[in-house]
Amino acid sequence: MATAKKVTKAKSTKKIKLTWQDEIKNMLLVMRKEMLQDVSQSMRDESDHLKHEIGDFYDQASNDRDRELSLMLADRERGKLTLVDNALHRIEIGTYGICESCDEVIDKERLIAMPFTKLCLSCQEDIERE
């Protein structure tokens, strides 16, 4: 009876090998969670800033500059969040990894390096040249 428990326990701790697509999906989900936390924290910080606006003109100017930078970064994070959500949607509908410009398969290495990309390297370079 003791050996049967060991065998059962060994089976339950056995790791399932994920495909690179599964790994990318997991990476996107983690990125999404972290970005949501960052944006949420940024919004809380902005709210706190508005409550505690004290100081002379120079302090307020410095605080305004910091607030503007924070808002720009939050906007950038929201943009990345949209890209991540779009990538997760493409995974669900089966179009992930296909270039939206030329319909060719995007290299695996590019997808691993930039999992929310919509374009193959060649099409991305063409856009950047313009």
Protein backbone atom coordinates (compact mmCIF):
# COMPACT_ATOMS: atom_id res chain seq x y z
CA MET A 1 0.00 0.00 0.00
CA ALA A 2 2.86 2.44 0.78
CA THR A 3 4.35 1.88 -2.71
CA ALA A 4 1.04 2.76 -4.37
CA LYS A 5 1.02 6.11 -2.58
CA LYS A 6 4.58 6.85 -3.75
CA VAL A 7 3.68 6.07 -7.35
CA THR A 8 0.56 8.25 -7.19
CA LYS A 9 2.55 11.10 -5.65
CA ALA A 10 5.26 10.79 -8.31
CA LYS A 11 2.66 11.06 -11.07
CA SER A 12 1.04 14.15 -9.56
CA THR A 13 4.33 16.07 -9.34
CA LYS A 14 5.39 15.24 -12.89
CA LYS A 15 5.77 18.44 -14.94
CA ILE A 16 3.96 18.87 -18.23
CA LYS A 17 6.23 20.10 -20.99
CA LEU A 18 4.83 23.31 -22.47
CA THR A 19 5.15 24.23 -26.13
CA TRP A 20 6.82 27.53 -26.98
CA GLN A 21 3.36 28.89 -27.85
CA ASP A 22 2.10 28.00 -24.37
CA GLU A 23 5.16 29.65 -22.86
CA ILE A 24 4.49 32.83 -24.85
CA LYS A 25 0.84 32.83 -23.77
CA ASN A 26 1.93 32.47 -20.13
CA MET A 27 4.49 35.26 -20.61
CA LEU A 28 1.76 37.52 -22.06
CA LEU A 29 -0.55 36.76 -19.15
CA VAL A 30 2.19 37.62 -16.64
CA MET A 31 3.01 40.83 -18.54
CA ARG A 32 -0.68 41.76 -18.52
CA LYS A 33 -0.99 41.19 -14.79
CA GLU A 34 2.12 43.27 -14.04
CA MET A 35 1.00 46.10 -16.30
CA LEU A 36 -2.44 46.20 -14.68
CA GLN A 37 -0.76 46.45 -11.29
CA ASP A 38 1.55 49.24 -12.53
CA VAL A 39 -1.30 51.25 -14.04
CA SER A 40 -3.38 50.77 -10.91
CA GLN A 41 -0.48 51.92 -8.72
CA SER A 42 0.08 54.92 -10.98
CA MET A 43 -3.56 55.92 -10.62
CA ARG A 44 -3.33 55.62 -6.82
CA ASP A 45 -0.16 57.74 -6.83
CA GLU A 46 -1.90 60.39 -8.95
CA SER A 47 -4.81 60.45 -6.53
CA ASP A 48 -2.43 60.83 -3.58
CA HIS A 49 -0.58 63.62 -5.38
CA LEU A 50 -3.75 65.63 -5.81
CA LYS A 51 -4.62 65.28 -2.12
CA HIS A 52 -1.24 66.49 -0.83
CA GLU A 53 -0.33 69.43 -3.05
CA ILE A 54 1.62 71.66 -0.66
CA GLY A 55 4.62 73.92 -1.13
CA ASP A 56 5.80 76.97 -2.95
CA PHE A 57 5.72 77.64 -6.69
CA TYR A 58 8.92 75.66 -7.36
CA ASP A 59 7.71 72.64 -5.40
CA GLN A 60 4.45 72.67 -7.32
CA ALA A 61 6.29 72.99 -10.65
CA SER A 62 8.48 70.03 -9.74
CA ASN A 63 5.45 68.03 -8.62
CA ASP A 64 3.64 68.90 -11.85
CA ARG A 65 6.63 67.74 -13.92
CA ASP A 66 6.78 64.48 -11.97
CA ARG A 67 3.03 64.02 -12.38
CA GLU A 68 3.23 64.64 -16.14
CA LEU A 69 6.03 62.10 -16.49
CA SER A 70 4.04 59.60 -14.46
CA LEU A 71 0.97 60.13 -16.67
CA MET A 72 3.05 59.68 -19.84
CA LEU A 73 4.45 56.42 -18.50
CA ALA A 74 0.97 55.25 -17.53
CA ASP A 75 -0.28 56.04 -21.05
CA ARG A 76 2.60 54.04 -22.50
CA GLU A 77 1.75 51.12 -20.20
CA ARG A 78 -1.90 51.28 -21.26
CA GLY A 79 -0.77 51.15 -24.89
CA LYS A 80 1.37 48.10 -24.19
CA LEU A 81 -1.53 46.54 -22.31
CA THR A 82 -3.68 46.94 -25.43
CA LEU A 83 -0.97 45.23 -27.51
CA VAL A 84 -0.78 42.35 -25.03
CA ASP A 85 -4.57 41.97 -25.00
CA ASN A 86 -4.59 41.94 -28.81
CA ALA A 87 -1.89 39.25 -28.84
CA LEU A 88 -3.88 37.11 -26.39
CA HIS A 89 -6.96 37.56 -28.59
CA ARG A 90 -4.96 36.48 -31.68
CA ILE A 91 -3.84 33.38 -29.78
CA GLU A 92 -7.46 32.53 -28.97
CA ILE A 93 -8.67 32.94 -32.56
CA GLY A 94 -5.65 31.19 -34.08
CA THR A 95 -4.02 34.08 -35.95
CA TYR A 96 -1.13 34.64 -33.53
CA GLY A 97 2.27 34.50 -35.18
CA ILE A 98 1.01 35.56 -38.62
CA CYS A 99 2.20 38.95 -39.89
CA GLU A 100 -0.73 41.33 -40.27
CA SER A 101 0.93 42.99 -43.24
CA CYS A 102 2.21 40.16 -45.45
CA ASP A 103 0.44 37.11 -43.93
CA GLU A 104 3.77 35.29 -43.53
CA VAL A 105 4.73 33.39 -40.38
CA ILE A 106 6.62 35.52 -37.86
CA ASP A 107 9.89 33.95 -36.68
CA LYS A 108 9.66 32.14 -33.36
CA GLU A 109 12.66 34.09 -32.02
CA ARG A 110 10.95 37.41 -32.78
CA LEU A 111 7.78 36.27 -31.02
CA ILE A 112 9.75 35.18 -27.97
CA ALA A 113 11.64 38.50 -27.86
CA MET A 114 8.53 40.62 -28.50
CA PRO A 115 5.48 38.45 -27.83
CA PHE A 116 2.93 41.15 -28.67
CA THR A 117 4.31 41.95 -32.12
CA LYS A 118 1.91 41.92 -35.08
CA LEU A 119 4.51 42.19 -37.83
CA CYS A 120 7.38 40.11 -39.11
CA LEU A 121 10.82 41.71 -38.96
CA SER A 122 10.83 42.61 -42.65
CA CYS A 123 7.49 44.44 -42.51
CA GLN A 124 8.48 46.19 -39.27
CA GLU A 125 11.70 47.40 -40.90
CA ASP A 126 9.73 48.68 -43.91
CA ILE A 127 7.46 50.70 -41.62
CA GLU A 128 10.38 52.13 -39.66
CA ARG A 129 12.10 53.21 -42.90
CA GLU A 130 9.05 55.25 -43.92
